[in-house]
Amino acid sequence: MDLPINPGLLLALIVVVIGILIIAKGLVIVRQSEVMVIERLGSFNRLLESGINIIIPFIEQPRAITMVRYQKRGEEYFPVTTNEARIDRRETVMDFPGQPVVTTDNVTVTINGALYYQIIDPRRAVYEIENMSQAVEVLAKTTLRSVVGKMELDKLFESRAEVNNEIQAAMEEPASKWGVKISRVEVQDIAMPEEVETAMRLQMAAERKRRATVTEAEGEKAAAIAKAQGQRESAILNAQGDKESAILRAQGEQESIKLVLNAIGDSDEHKRTVVGYLLGQSYIKVLPNMAQDGERVFVPYESSALLGSMGMFREMAGSPEDTVAKHLRESDRQSGVRGGLLGGAGSAG
């Protein structure tokens, strides 16, 4: 037997189900660092921040934002377009494919860059631009061509940081109108044509060879200067040594002459005899060296006379050294006689 259906109970069940659906549809949970743009009847109403939020179903709807991201498969990049109702406020990286750029010296290079940006005003990102991510990508590419097009190839490799800063500075103003902040731009890879890369390698090798040659020449120059300075200082020291040695020899000869003159007397005749003896000794020292150069030795007339004077000096008074020794012995004997006389006189007293 069929049970009769109460119309009131059925209506109540329908109302409960509709209420549950409305609550489930109107209850929105927004995660941390996310935000939702809510439109009421097609116009902007408010932003839903992180936490539990309630909207009016069918009257209030979230406005989605279009995002373009690239997926790398092998060596190629494929764009993926999505419509997202939840807008991510975190910093996002956009790794777009390499772009051909012509430098001022007419070299076409392919530059692969990465862009870091952050949505700081979701309302502007939705309403001020039709496709925010695509607009940022196109702006980055055009700015990259503009900045790199003003540089030569060599400067481009040396000034990557400068290129990054110029691109970021050029993108800040237009991106701020879309509620986007450009954090930084990085030039990752710079690909050149093969012939240009070969020419740069040859140039680099020649430059290194030139630097090595210059360094070697500078080293040889420094070594030559150091050697010359050492020879100069050595010559100066040798000259000073010769000078001091000559002075000492002269002083010794002077003292020797004084001792001889004091021993034999300082009359003019004795002085000439002593001088002749010393000159004769010098001639005798030189004669062996003169005899080494040939079989015949020519002796000057004055040297024969001096040698005769030396012989006469030895016959008369012996050598100057013997004369000095004799004079000293006589002085000691006389001193001893005087001492004995004085001692005898004291004993007699």
C-alpha atoms as a PDB file:
ATOM      1  CA  MET A   1       0.000   0.000   0.000  1.00  0.00           C
ATOM      2  CA  ASP A   2       1.412   3.399  -1.030  1.00  0.00           C
ATOM      3  CA  LEU A   3       1.959   5.959   1.709  1.00  0.00           C
ATOM      4  CA  PRO A   4       0.493   9.371   1.044  1.00  0.00           C
ATOM      5  CA  ILE A   5       3.147  12.138   0.567  1.00  0.00           C
ATOM      6  CA  ASN A   6       2.634  15.183   2.691  1.00  0.00           C
ATOM      7  CA  PRO A   7       3.033  18.253   0.474  1.00  0.00           C
ATOM      8  CA  GLY A   8       4.171  20.355   3.396  1.00  0.00           C
ATOM      9  CA  LEU A   9       6.963  17.931   4.268  1.00  0.00           C
ATOM     10  CA  LEU A  10       8.115  17.810   0.667  1.00  0.00           C
ATOM     11  CA  LEU A  11       8.241  21.574   0.458  1.00  0.00           C
ATOM     12  CA  ALA A  12      10.218  21.720   3.674  1.00  0.00           C
ATOM     13  CA  LEU A  13      12.717  19.220   2.310  1.00  0.00           C
ATOM     14  CA  ILE A  14      13.097  21.241  -0.857  1.00  0.00           C
ATOM     15  CA  VAL A  15      13.697  24.430   1.132  1.00  0.00           C
ATOM     16  CA  VAL A  16      16.308  22.714   3.289  1.00  0.00           C
ATOM     17  CA  VAL A  17      18.144  21.378   0.264  1.00  0.00           C
ATOM     18  CA  ILE A  18      18.092  24.780  -1.411  1.00  0.00           C
ATOM     19  CA  GLY A  19      19.361  26.382   1.791  1.00  0.00           C
ATOM     20  CA  ILE A  20      22.223  23.919   2.043  1.00  0.00           C
ATOM     21  CA  LEU A  21      23.159  24.574  -1.596  1.00  0.00           C
ATOM     22  CA  ILE A  22      23.034  28.331  -1.058  1.00  0.00           C
ATOM     23  CA  ILE A  23      25.236  28.112   2.027  1.00  0.00           C
ATOM     24  CA  ALA A  24      27.679  25.801   0.268  1.00  0.00           C
ATOM     25  CA  LYS A  25      27.759  28.070  -2.772  1.00  0.00           C
ATOM     26  CA  GLY A  26      28.101  31.256  -0.758  1.00  0.00           C
ATOM     27  CA  LEU A  27      30.744  30.036   1.641  1.00  0.00           C
ATOM     28  CA  VAL A  28      34.232  30.753   0.206  1.00  0.00           C
ATOM     29  CA  ILE A  29      37.519  29.900   1.874  1.00  0.00           C
ATOM     30  CA  VAL A  30      40.475  31.929   0.599  1.00  0.00           C
ATOM     31  CA  ARG A  31      43.963  30.623   1.343  1.00  0.00           C
ATOM     32  CA  GLN A  32      46.902  32.645   2.577  1.00  0.00           C
ATOM     33  CA  SER A  33      48.601  34.916  -0.037  1.00  0.00           C
ATOM     34  CA  GLU A  34      45.525  34.648  -2.286  1.00  0.00           C
ATOM     35  CA  VAL A  35      42.761  37.118  -3.054  1.00  0.00           C
ATOM     36  CA  MET A  36      39.522  37.082  -5.046  1.00  0.00           C
ATOM     37  CA  VAL A  37      37.904  39.922  -6.969  1.00  0.00           C
ATOM     38  CA  ILE A  38      34.113  39.844  -6.384  1.00  0.00           C
ATOM     39  CA  GLU A  39      31.632  41.428  -8.796  1.00  0.00           C
ATOM     40  CA  ARG A  40      27.990  42.096  -7.928  1.00  0.00           C
ATOM     41  CA  LEU A  41      25.748  42.062 -10.930  1.00  0.00           C
ATOM     42  CA  GLY A  42      28.731  42.620 -13.240  1.00  0.00           C
ATOM     43  CA  SER A  43      30.455  45.497 -11.403  1.00  0.00           C
ATOM     44  CA  PHE A  44      33.317  45.467  -8.915  1.00  0.00           C
ATOM     45  CA  ASN A  45      32.156  45.049  -5.334  1.00  0.00           C
ATOM     46  CA  ARG A  46      35.023  44.000  -3.048  1.00  0.00           C
ATOM     47  CA  LEU A  47      38.109  41.861  -2.520  1.00  0.00           C
ATOM     48  CA  LEU A  48      37.983  38.653  -0.546  1.00  0.00           C
ATOM     49  CA  GLU A  49      41.075  38.279   1.647  1.00  0.00           C
ATOM     50  CA  SER A  50      42.412  35.084   3.196  1.00  0.00           C
ATOM     51  CA  GLY A  51      39.985  33.305   5.566  1.00  0.00           C
ATOM     52  CA  ILE A  52      36.295  32.415   5.521  1.00  0.00           C
ATOM     53  CA  ASN A  53      34.113  34.691   3.360  1.00  0.00           C
ATOM     54  CA  ILE A  54      30.430  34.632   2.380  1.00  0.00           C
ATOM     55  CA  ILE A  55      29.071  35.779  -0.952  1.00  0.00           C
ATOM     56  CA  ILE A  56      25.569  35.913  -2.354  1.00  0.00           C
ATOM     57  CA  PRO A  57      25.235  33.146  -4.911  1.00  0.00           C
ATOM     58  CA  PHE A  58      24.112  34.044  -8.442  1.00  0.00           C
ATOM     59  CA  ILE A  59      24.349  37.730  -7.559  1.00  0.00           C
ATOM     60  CA  GLU A  60      28.011  37.979  -6.593  1.00  0.00           C
ATOM     61  CA  GLN A  61      30.571  36.187  -8.735  1.00  0.00           C
ATOM     62  CA  PRO A  62      34.403  36.080  -8.658  1.00  0.00           C
ATOM     63  CA  ARG A  63      36.143  37.707 -11.598  1.00  0.00           C
ATOM     64  CA  ALA A  64      38.790  35.442 -13.107  1.00  0.00           C
ATOM     65  CA  ILE A  65      42.171  36.642 -14.335  1.00  0.00           C
ATOM     66  CA  THR A  66      43.868  35.262 -17.445  1.00  0.00           C
ATOM     67  CA  MET A  67      47.368  33.916 -16.909  1.00  0.00           C
ATOM     68  CA  VAL A  68      49.847  32.627 -19.498  1.00  0.00           C
ATOM     69  CA  ARG A  69      52.604  30.311 -18.350  1.00  0.00           C
ATOM     70  CA  TYR A  70      55.248  28.440 -20.305  1.00  0.00           C
ATOM     71  CA  GLN A  71      56.032  24.778 -19.982  1.00  0.00           C
ATOM     72  CA  LYS A  72      59.402  23.560 -21.207  1.00  0.00           C
ATOM     73  CA  ARG A  73      59.405  20.260 -23.078  1.00  0.00           C
ATOM     74  CA  GLY A  74      62.907  19.398 -24.170  1.00  0.00           C
ATOM     75  CA  GLU A  75      64.335  22.510 -25.777  1.00  0.00           C
ATOM     76  CA  GLU A  76      60.992  24.114 -26.673  1.00  0.00           C
ATOM     77  CA  TYR A  77      58.577  26.240 -24.659  1.00  0.00           C
ATOM     78  CA  PHE A  78      54.792  25.816 -24.951  1.00  0.00           C
ATOM     79  CA  PRO A  79      52.378  28.495 -23.652  1.00  0.00           C
ATOM     80  CA  VAL A  80      49.546  27.400 -21.360  1.00  0.00           C
ATOM     81  CA  THR A  81      46.652  29.830 -20.832  1.00  0.00           C
ATOM     82  CA  THR A  82      44.404  29.517 -17.757  1.00  0.00           C
ATOM     83  CA  ASN A  83      41.582  31.553 -16.207  1.00  0.00           C
ATOM     84  CA  GLU A  84      42.055  31.722 -12.431  1.00  0.00           C
ATOM     85  CA  ALA A  85      39.505  33.077  -9.976  1.00  0.00           C
ATOM     86  CA  ARG A  86      42.037  33.102  -7.174  1.00  0.00           C
ATOM     87  CA  ILE A  87      44.791  35.640  -7.715  1.00  0.00           C
ATOM     88  CA  ASP A  88      48.189  34.716  -6.258  1.00  0.00           C
ATOM     89  CA  ARG A  89      49.964  37.619  -4.579  1.00  0.00           C
ATOM     90  CA  ARG A  90      53.271  35.812  -4.229  1.00  0.00           C
ATOM     91  CA  GLU A  91      56.267  36.613  -6.383  1.00  0.00           C
ATOM     92  CA  THR A  92      56.016  34.756  -9.677  1.00  0.00           C
ATOM     93  CA  VAL A  93      58.752  33.884 -12.136  1.00  0.00           C
ATOM     94  CA  MET A  94      58.167  34.023 -15.881  1.00  0.00           C
ATOM     95  CA  ASP A  95      60.759  32.091 -17.872  1.00  0.00           C
ATOM     96  CA  PHE A  96      59.983  33.110 -21.448  1.00  0.00           C
ATOM     97  CA  PRO A  97      61.699  31.652 -24.539  1.00  0.00           C
ATOM     98  CA  GLY A  98      64.860  33.134 -26.051  1.00  0.00           C
ATOM     99  CA  GLN A  99      64.455  36.272 -28.142  1.00  0.00           C
ATOM    100  CA  PRO A 100      66.591  37.299 -31.146  1.00  0.00           C
ATOM    101  CA  VAL A 101      68.186  40.696 -30.540  1.00  0.00           C
ATOM    102  CA  VAL A 102      70.474  42.730 -32.817  1.00  0.00           C
ATOM    103  CA  THR A 103      73.338  44.652 -31.179  1.00  0.00           C
ATOM    104  CA  THR A 104      74.831  47.906 -32.423  1.00  0.00           C
ATOM    105  CA  ASP A 105      77.638  46.045 -34.226  1.00  0.00           C
ATOM    106  CA  ASN A 106      75.001  44.094 -36.240  1.00  0.00           C
ATOM    107  CA  VAL A 107      75.354  40.757 -34.425  1.00  0.00           C
ATOM    108  CA  THR A 108      72.149  38.794 -33.895  1.00  0.00           C
ATOM    109  CA  VAL A 109      72.103  37.020 -30.541  1.00  0.00           C
ATOM    110  CA  THR A 110      69.406  34.980 -28.848  1.00  0.00           C
ATOM    111  CA  ILE A 111      68.787  35.965 -25.228  1.00  0.00           C
ATOM    112  CA  ASN A 112      66.871  33.837 -22.777  1.00  0.00           C
ATOM    113  CA  GLY A 113      65.650  35.778 -19.748  1.00  0.00           C
ATOM    114  CA  ALA A 114      63.642  35.325 -16.582  1.00  0.00           C
ATOM    115  CA  LEU A 115      61.258  37.866 -15.110  1.00  0.00           C
ATOM    116  CA  TYR A 116      60.193  38.053 -11.448  1.00  0.00           C
ATOM    117  CA  TYR A 117      56.979  39.999 -10.764  1.00  0.00           C
ATOM    118  CA  GLN A 118      54.317  40.304  -8.065  1.00  0.00           C
ATOM    119  CA  ILE A 119      50.662  41.380  -8.194  1.00  0.00           C
ATOM    120  CA  ILE A 120      50.213  44.052  -5.546  1.00  0.00           C
ATOM    121  CA  ASP A 121      46.843  45.477  -6.735  1.00  0.00           C
ATOM    122  CA  PRO A 122      44.515  42.684  -7.922  1.00  0.00           C
ATOM    123  CA  ARG A 123      41.783  45.122  -8.976  1.00  0.00           C
ATOM    124  CA  ARG A 124      44.068  46.883 -11.465  1.00  0.00           C
ATOM    125  CA  ALA A 125      45.507  43.582 -12.665  1.00  0.00           C
ATOM    126  CA  VAL A 126      41.952  42.505 -13.592  1.00  0.00           C
ATOM    127  CA  TYR A 127      40.404  45.712 -14.893  1.00  0.00           C
ATOM    128  CA  GLU A 128      43.296  47.803 -16.239  1.00  0.00           C
ATOM    129  CA  ILE A 129      44.670  45.211 -18.652  1.00  0.00           C
ATOM    130  CA  GLU A 130      43.013  42.437 -20.641  1.00  0.00           C
ATOM    131  CA  ASN A 131      45.771  39.827 -20.170  1.00  0.00           C
ATOM    132  CA  MET A 132      48.178  40.889 -17.469  1.00  0.00           C
ATOM    133  CA  SER A 133      50.770  38.104 -17.815  1.00  0.00           C
ATOM    134  CA  GLN A 134      50.937  38.429 -21.588  1.00  0.00           C
ATOM    135  CA  ALA A 135      51.295  42.195 -21.310  1.00  0.00           C
ATOM    136  CA  VAL A 136      54.192  41.802 -18.857  1.00  0.00           C
ATOM    137  CA  GLU A 137      55.875  39.284 -21.167  1.00  0.00           C
ATOM    138  CA  VAL A 138      55.581  41.510 -24.246  1.00  0.00           C
ATOM    139  CA  LEU A 139      56.814  44.501 -22.266  1.00  0.00           C
ATOM    140  CA  ALA A 140      59.845  42.524 -21.080  1.00  0.00           C
ATOM    141  CA  LYS A 141      60.703  41.403 -24.620  1.00  0.00           C
ATOM    142  CA  THR A 142      60.422  44.862 -26.182  1.00  0.00           C
ATOM    143  CA  THR A 143      62.418  46.446 -23.357  1.00  0.00           C
ATOM    144  CA  LEU A 144      65.091  43.767 -23.721  1.00  0.00           C
ATOM    145  CA  ARG A 145      65.441  44.515 -27.452  1.00  0.00           C
ATOM    146  CA  SER A 146      65.597  48.239 -26.765  1.00  0.00           C
ATOM    147  CA  VAL A 147      68.298  47.988 -24.092  1.00  0.00           C
ATOM    148  CA  VAL A 148      70.474  45.388 -25.801  1.00  0.00           C
ATOM    149  CA  GLY A 149      70.155  47.162 -29.154  1.00  0.00           C
ATOM    150  CA  LYS A 150      72.141  50.081 -27.712  1.00  0.00           C
ATOM    151  CA  MET A 151      75.135  47.925 -26.765  1.00  0.00           C
ATOM    152  CA  GLU A 152      77.958  46.199 -28.568  1.00  0.00           C
ATOM    153  CA  LEU A 153      78.440  42.464 -28.214  1.00  0.00           C
ATOM    154  CA  ASP A 154      81.539  42.695 -26.008  1.00  0.00           C
ATOM    155  CA  LYS A 155      79.878  45.173 -23.656  1.00  0.00           C
ATOM    156  CA  LEU A 156      76.797  42.947 -23.458  1.00  0.00           C
ATOM    157  CA  PHE A 157      78.831  40.112 -21.954  1.00  0.00           C
ATOM    158  CA  GLU A 158      80.594  42.464 -19.557  1.00  0.00           C
ATOM    159  CA  SER A 159      77.471  44.343 -18.405  1.00  0.00           C
ATOM    160  CA  ARG A 160      74.797  41.782 -17.640  1.00  0.00           C
ATOM    161  CA  ALA A 161      73.997  43.417 -14.312  1.00  0.00           C
ATOM    162  CA  GLU A 162      73.663  46.776 -16.039  1.00  0.00           C
ATOM    163  CA  VAL A 163      71.304  45.262 -18.633  1.00  0.00           C
ATOM    164  CA  ASN A 164      69.173  43.709 -15.884  1.00  0.00           C
ATOM    165  CA  ASN A 165      68.899  47.000 -14.001  1.00  0.00           C
ATOM    166  CA  GLU A 166      68.011  48.995 -17.131  1.00  0.00           C
ATOM    167  CA  ILE A 167      65.264  46.551 -18.131  1.00  0.00           C
ATOM    168  CA  GLN A 168      63.800  46.575 -14.633  1.00  0.00           C
ATOM    169  CA  ALA A 169      63.849  50.381 -14.446  1.00  0.00           C
ATOM    170  CA  ALA A 170      62.186  50.693 -17.868  1.00  0.00           C
ATOM    171  CA  MET A 171      59.405  48.241 -16.931  1.00  0.00           C
ATOM    172  CA  GLU A 172      58.515  49.633 -13.501  1.00  0.00           C
ATOM    173  CA  GLU A 173      56.360  52.586 -14.602  1.00  0.00           C
ATOM    174  CA  PRO A 174      54.100  50.828 -17.152  1.00  0.00           C
ATOM    175  CA  ALA A 175      53.775  47.715 -14.988  1.00  0.00           C
ATOM    176  CA  SER A 176      52.713  49.790 -11.972  1.00  0.00           C
ATOM    177  CA  LYS A 177      49.627  50.927 -13.932  1.00  0.00           C
ATOM    178  CA  TRP A 178      48.551  47.291 -14.041  1.00  0.00           C
ATOM    179  CA  GLY A 179      49.075  46.768 -10.318  1.00  0.00           C
ATOM    180  CA  VAL A 180      52.224  44.719 -10.924  1.00  0.00           C
ATOM    181  CA  LYS A 181      55.616  45.163  -9.296  1.00  0.00           C
ATOM    182  CA  ILE A 182      58.706  44.078 -11.266  1.00  0.00           C
ATOM    183  CA  SER A 183      61.060  42.580  -8.709  1.00  0.00           C
ATOM    184  CA  ARG A 184      64.027  41.813 -10.944  1.00  0.00           C
ATOM    185  CA  VAL A 185      65.022  40.719 -14.428  1.00  0.00           C
ATOM    186  CA  GLU A 186      67.748  38.181 -15.153  1.00  0.00           C
ATOM    187  CA  VAL A 187      69.475  37.586 -18.481  1.00  0.00           C
ATOM    188  CA  GLN A 188      70.190  33.860 -18.377  1.00  0.00           C
ATOM    189  CA  ASP A 189      71.760  32.707 -21.645  1.00  0.00           C
ATOM    190  CA  ILE A 190      73.211  34.572 -24.619  1.00  0.00           C
ATOM    191  CA  ALA A 191      73.538  32.427 -27.737  1.00  0.00           C
ATOM    192  CA  MET A 192      75.628  33.693 -30.662  1.00  0.00           C
ATOM    193  CA  PRO A 193      76.095  32.495 -34.245  1.00  0.00           C
ATOM    194  CA  GLU A 194      78.812  29.882 -34.631  1.00  0.00           C
ATOM    195  CA  GLU A 195      81.072  32.068 -36.793  1.00  0.00           C
ATOM    196  CA  VAL A 196      80.898  34.912 -34.273  1.00  0.00           C
ATOM    197  CA  GLU A 197      81.707  32.551 -31.408  1.00  0.00           C
ATOM    198  CA  THR A 198      84.734  31.190 -33.330  1.00  0.00           C
ATOM    199  CA  ALA A 199      86.001  34.709 -34.041  1.00  0.00           C
ATOM    200  CA  MET A 200      85.645  35.622 -30.369  1.00  0.00           C
ATOM    201  CA  ARG A 201      87.636  32.546 -29.346  1.00  0.00           C
ATOM    202  CA  LEU A 202      90.448  33.496 -31.741  1.00  0.00           C
ATOM    203  CA  GLN A 203      90.385  37.063 -30.455  1.00  0.00           C
ATOM    204  CA  MET A 204      90.513  35.846 -26.862  1.00  0.00           C
ATOM    205  CA  ALA A 205      93.480  33.562 -27.634  1.00  0.00           C
ATOM    206  CA  ALA A 206      95.340  36.424 -29.348  1.00  0.00           C
ATOM    207  CA  GLU A 207      94.634  38.737 -26.423  1.00  0.00           C
ATOM    208  CA  ARG A 208      95.949  36.199 -23.934  1.00  0.00           C
ATOM    209  CA  LYS A 209      99.069  35.683 -26.035  1.00  0.00           C
ATOM    210  CA  ARG A 210      99.620  39.437 -26.176  1.00  0.00           C
ATOM    211  CA  ARG A 211      99.262  39.714 -22.405  1.00  0.00           C
ATOM    212  CA  ALA A 212     101.720  36.859 -21.922  1.00  0.00           C
ATOM    213  CA  THR A 213     104.245  38.569 -24.225  1.00  0.00           C
ATOM    214  CA  VAL A 214     103.851  41.878 -22.412  1.00  0.00           C
ATOM    215  CA  THR A 215     104.226  40.180 -19.034  1.00  0.00           C
ATOM    216  CA  GLU A 216     107.348  38.339 -20.187  1.00  0.00           C
ATOM    217  CA  ALA A 217     108.863  41.564 -21.567  1.00  0.00           C
ATOM    218  CA  GLU A 218     108.117  43.400 -18.333  1.00  0.00           C
ATOM    219  CA  GLY A 219     109.745  40.574 -16.377  1.00  0.00           C
ATOM    220  CA  GLU A 220     112.879  40.678 -18.540  1.00  0.00           C
ATOM    221  CA  LYS A 221     112.996  44.455 -18.179  1.00  0.00           C
ATOM    222  CA  ALA A 222     112.712  44.238 -14.391  1.00  0.00           C
ATOM    223  CA  ALA A 223     115.413  41.536 -14.320  1.00  0.00           C
ATOM    224  CA  ALA A 224     117.748  43.637 -16.475  1.00  0.00           C
ATOM    225  CA  ILE A 225     117.197  46.681 -14.265  1.00  0.00           C
ATOM    226  CA  ALA A 226     117.824  44.646 -11.124  1.00  0.00           C
ATOM    227  CA  LYS A 227     120.991  43.149 -12.647  1.00  0.00           C
ATOM    228  CA  ALA A 228     122.265  46.590 -13.687  1.00  0.00           C
ATOM    229  CA  GLN A 229     121.567  47.985 -10.236  1.00  0.00           C
ATOM    230  CA  GLY A 230     123.384  45.045  -8.659  1.00  0.00           C
ATOM    231  CA  GLN A 231     126.410  45.534 -10.926  1.00  0.00           C
ATOM    232  CA  ARG A 232     126.414  49.254 -10.164  1.00  0.00           C
ATOM    233  CA  GLU A 233     126.266  48.691  -6.422  1.00  0.00           C
ATOM    234  CA  SER A 234     128.965  46.004  -6.703  1.00  0.00           C
ATOM    235  CA  ALA A 235     131.234  48.351  -8.678  1.00  0.00           C
ATOM    236  CA  ILE A 236     130.687  51.105  -6.124  1.00  0.00           C
ATOM    237  CA  LEU A 237     131.510  48.753  -3.268  1.00  0.00           C
ATOM    238  CA  ASN A 238     134.597  47.458  -5.094  1.00  0.00           C
ATOM    239  CA  ALA A 239     135.761  51.010  -5.783  1.00  0.00           C
ATOM    240  CA  GLN A 240     135.245  51.961  -2.163  1.00  0.00           C
ATOM    241  CA  GLY A 241     137.169  48.866  -1.092  1.00  0.00           C
ATOM    242  CA  ASP A 242     140.028  49.664  -3.490  1.00  0.00           C
ATOM    243  CA  LYS A 243     140.083  53.219  -2.213  1.00  0.00           C
ATOM    244  CA  GLU A 244     140.216  52.197   1.418  1.00  0.00           C
ATOM    245  CA  SER A 245     142.828  49.528   0.634  1.00  0.00           C
ATOM    246  CA  ALA A 246     145.008  52.062  -1.215  1.00  0.00           C
ATOM    247  CA  ILE A 247     144.690  54.508   1.665  1.00  0.00           C
ATOM    248  CA  LEU A 248     145.671  51.825   4.160  1.00  0.00           C
ATOM    249  CA  ARG A 249     148.655  50.762   2.019  1.00  0.00           C
ATOM    250  CA  ALA A 250     149.779  54.367   1.671  1.00  0.00           C
ATOM    251  CA  GLN A 251     149.435  54.890   5.393  1.00  0.00           C
ATOM    252  CA  GLY A 252     151.459  51.715   6.026  1.00  0.00           C
ATOM    253  CA  GLU A 253     154.206  52.790   3.631  1.00  0.00           C
ATOM    254  CA  GLN A 254     154.228  56.201   5.249  1.00  0.00           C
ATOM    255  CA  GLU A 255     154.652  54.648   8.686  1.00  0.00           C
ATOM    256  CA  SER A 256     157.366  52.338   7.332  1.00  0.00           C
ATOM    257  CA  ILE A 257     159.323  55.266   5.827  1.00  0.00           C
ATOM    258  CA  LYS A 258     159.018  57.199   9.075  1.00  0.00           C
ATOM    259  CA  LEU A 259     160.391  54.264  11.056  1.00  0.00           C
ATOM    260  CA  VAL A 260     163.354  53.839   8.676  1.00  0.00           C
ATOM    261  CA  LEU A 261     164.170  57.553   8.723  1.00  0.00           C
ATOM    262  CA  ASN A 262     163.945  57.645  12.492  1.00  0.00           C
ATOM    263  CA  ALA A 263     166.336  54.693  12.639  1.00  0.00           C
ATOM    264  CA  ILE A 264     169.068  55.946  10.219  1.00  0.00           C
ATOM    265  CA  GLY A 265     168.501  59.679  10.393  1.00  0.00           C
ATOM    266  CA  ASP A 266     166.423  62.192   8.500  1.00  0.00           C
ATOM    267  CA  SER A 267     169.091  63.949   6.442  1.00  0.00           C
ATOM    268  CA  ASP A 268     168.517  64.604   2.742  1.00  0.00           C
ATOM    269  CA  GLU A 269     170.984  61.912   1.720  1.00  0.00           C
ATOM    270  CA  HIS A 270     169.331  59.307   3.906  1.00  0.00           C
ATOM    271  CA  LYS A 271     165.899  60.294   2.570  1.00  0.00           C
ATOM    272  CA  ARG A 272     167.056  59.788  -1.016  1.00  0.00           C
ATOM    273  CA  THR A 273     168.578  56.448  -0.112  1.00  0.00           C
ATOM    274  CA  VAL A 274     165.348  55.227   1.495  1.00  0.00           C
ATOM    275  CA  VAL A 275     163.241  56.444  -1.426  1.00  0.00           C
ATOM    276  CA  GLY A 276     165.567  54.703  -3.865  1.00  0.00           C
ATOM    277  CA  TYR A 277     165.333  51.504  -1.870  1.00  0.00           C
ATOM    278  CA  LEU A 278     161.533  51.528  -1.910  1.00  0.00           C
ATOM    279  CA  LEU A 279     161.399  52.229  -5.632  1.00  0.00           C
ATOM    280  CA  GLY A 280     163.860  49.421  -6.220  1.00  0.00           C
ATOM    281  CA  GLN A 281     161.604  47.012  -4.351  1.00  0.00           C
ATOM    282  CA  SER A 282     158.691  48.046  -6.580  1.00  0.00           C
ATOM    283  CA  TYR A 283     160.791  47.389  -9.700  1.00  0.00           C
ATOM    284  CA  ILE A 284     161.796  43.973  -8.414  1.00  0.00           C
ATOM    285  CA  LYS A 285     158.109  43.043  -7.881  1.00  0.00           C
ATOM    286  CA  VAL A 286     157.248  44.155 -11.430  1.00  0.00           C
ATOM    287  CA  LEU A 287     160.144  42.398 -13.209  1.00  0.00           C
ATOM    288  CA  PRO A 288     158.640  38.839 -13.059  1.00  0.00           C
ATOM    289  CA  ASN A 289     155.456  40.084 -14.714  1.00  0.00           C
ATOM    290  CA  MET A 290     157.448  41.863 -17.387  1.00  0.00           C
ATOM    291  CA  ALA A 291     159.447  38.704 -18.097  1.00  0.00           C
ATOM    292  CA  GLN A 292     156.255  36.684 -18.725  1.00  0.00           C
ATOM    293  CA  ASP A 293     155.318  38.701 -21.830  1.00  0.00           C
ATOM    294  CA  GLY A 294     158.464  37.880 -23.824  1.00  0.00           C
ATOM    295  CA  GLU A 295     161.989  36.523 -23.845  1.00  0.00           C
ATOM    296  CA  ARG A 296     163.671  39.923 -23.677  1.00  0.00           C
ATOM    297  CA  VAL A 297     163.216  42.395 -20.849  1.00  0.00           C
ATOM    298  CA  PHE A 298     164.212  46.041 -21.278  1.00  0.00           C
ATOM    299  CA  VAL A 299     165.051  47.621 -17.957  1.00  0.00           C
ATOM    300  CA  PRO A 300     164.994  51.442 -17.814  1.00  0.00           C
ATOM    301  CA  TYR A 301     168.238  53.234 -16.927  1.00  0.00           C
ATOM    302  CA  GLU A 302     166.716  54.694 -13.802  1.00  0.00           C
ATOM    303  CA  SER A 303     165.841  51.218 -12.525  1.00  0.00           C
ATOM    304  CA  SER A 304     169.458  50.083 -12.873  1.00  0.00           C
ATOM    305  CA  ALA A 305     170.550  53.072 -10.857  1.00  0.00           C
ATOM    306  CA  LEU A 306     167.955  52.345  -8.212  1.00  0.00           C
ATOM    307  CA  LEU A 307     168.989  48.718  -7.989  1.00  0.00           C
ATOM    308  CA  GLY A 308     172.590  49.870  -7.564  1.00  0.00           C
ATOM    309  CA  SER A 309     171.465  52.193  -4.827  1.00  0.00           C
ATOM    310  CA  MET A 310     169.753  49.288  -3.085  1.00  0.00           C
ATOM    311  CA  GLY A 311     172.933  47.241  -3.234  1.00  0.00           C
ATOM    312  CA  MET A 312     174.978  50.141  -1.936  1.00  0.00           C
ATOM    313  CA  PHE A 313     172.411  50.704   0.793  1.00  0.00           C
ATOM    314  CA  ARG A 314     172.685  47.098   1.898  1.00  0.00           C
ATOM    315  CA  GLU A 315     176.517  47.213   1.837  1.00  0.00           C
ATOM    316  CA  MET A 316     176.608  50.403   3.873  1.00  0.00           C
ATOM    317  CA  ALA A 317     173.862  49.886   6.395  1.00  0.00           C
ATOM    318  CA  GLY A 318     172.154  46.648   5.551  1.00  0.00           C
ATOM    319  CA  SER A 319     168.498  46.598   4.733  1.00  0.00           C
ATOM    320  CA  PRO A 320     166.260  49.305   6.205  1.00  0.00           C
ATOM    321  CA  GLU A 321     164.645  46.650   8.379  1.00  0.00           C
ATOM    322  CA  ASP A 322     168.082  45.572   9.731  1.00  0.00           C
ATOM    323  CA  THR A 323     168.983  49.202  10.351  1.00  0.00           C
ATOM    324  CA  VAL A 324     165.789  49.772  12.313  1.00  0.00           C
ATOM    325  CA  ALA A 325     166.377  46.640  14.373  1.00  0.00           C
ATOM    326  CA  LYS A 326     169.989  47.682  15.013  1.00  0.00           C
ATOM    327  CA  HIS A 327     168.882  51.144  16.087  1.00  0.00           C
ATOM    328  CA  LEU A 328     166.339  49.661  18.493  1.00  0.00           C
ATOM    329  CA  ARG A 329     168.988  47.345  20.044  1.00  0.00           C
ATOM    330  CA  GLU A 330     171.359  50.269  20.539  1.00  0.00           C
ATOM    331  CA  SER A 331     168.580  52.263  22.197  1.00  0.00           C
ATOM    332  CA  ASP A 332     167.810  49.386  24.554  1.00  0.00           C
ATOM    333  CA  ARG A 333     171.503  48.954  25.429  1.00  0.00           C
ATOM    334  CA  GLN A 334     171.935  52.619  26.166  1.00  0.00           C
ATOM    335  CA  SER A 335     168.840  52.542  28.363  1.00  0.00           C
ATOM    336  CA  GLY A 336     170.277  49.566  30.237  1.00  0.00           C
ATOM    337  CA  VAL A 337     173.661  51.320  30.750  1.00  0.00           C
ATOM    338  CA  ARG A 338     171.899  54.406  32.099  1.00  0.00           C
ATOM    339  CA  GLY A 339     169.860  52.242  34.414  1.00  0.00           C
ATOM    340  CA  GLY A 340     173.010  50.506  35.697  1.00  0.00           C
ATOM    341  CA  LEU A 341     174.801  53.755  36.330  1.00  0.00           C
ATOM    342  CA  LEU A 342     171.855  55.102  38.236  1.00  0.00           C
ATOM    343  CA  GLY A 343     171.653  51.930  40.258  1.00  0.00           C
ATOM    344  CA  GLY A 344     175.404  52.036  41.107  1.00  0.00           C
ATOM    345  CA  ALA A 345     175.125  55.630  42.157  1.00  0.00           C
ATOM    346  CA  GLY A 346     172.278  54.785  44.470  1.00  0.00           C
ATOM    347  CA  SER A 347     174.237  51.955  46.056  1.00  0.00           C
ATOM    348  CA  ALA A 348     177.265  54.179  46.650  1.00  0.00           C
ATOM    349  CA  GLY A 349     175.180  56.731  48.367  1.00  0.00           C
END
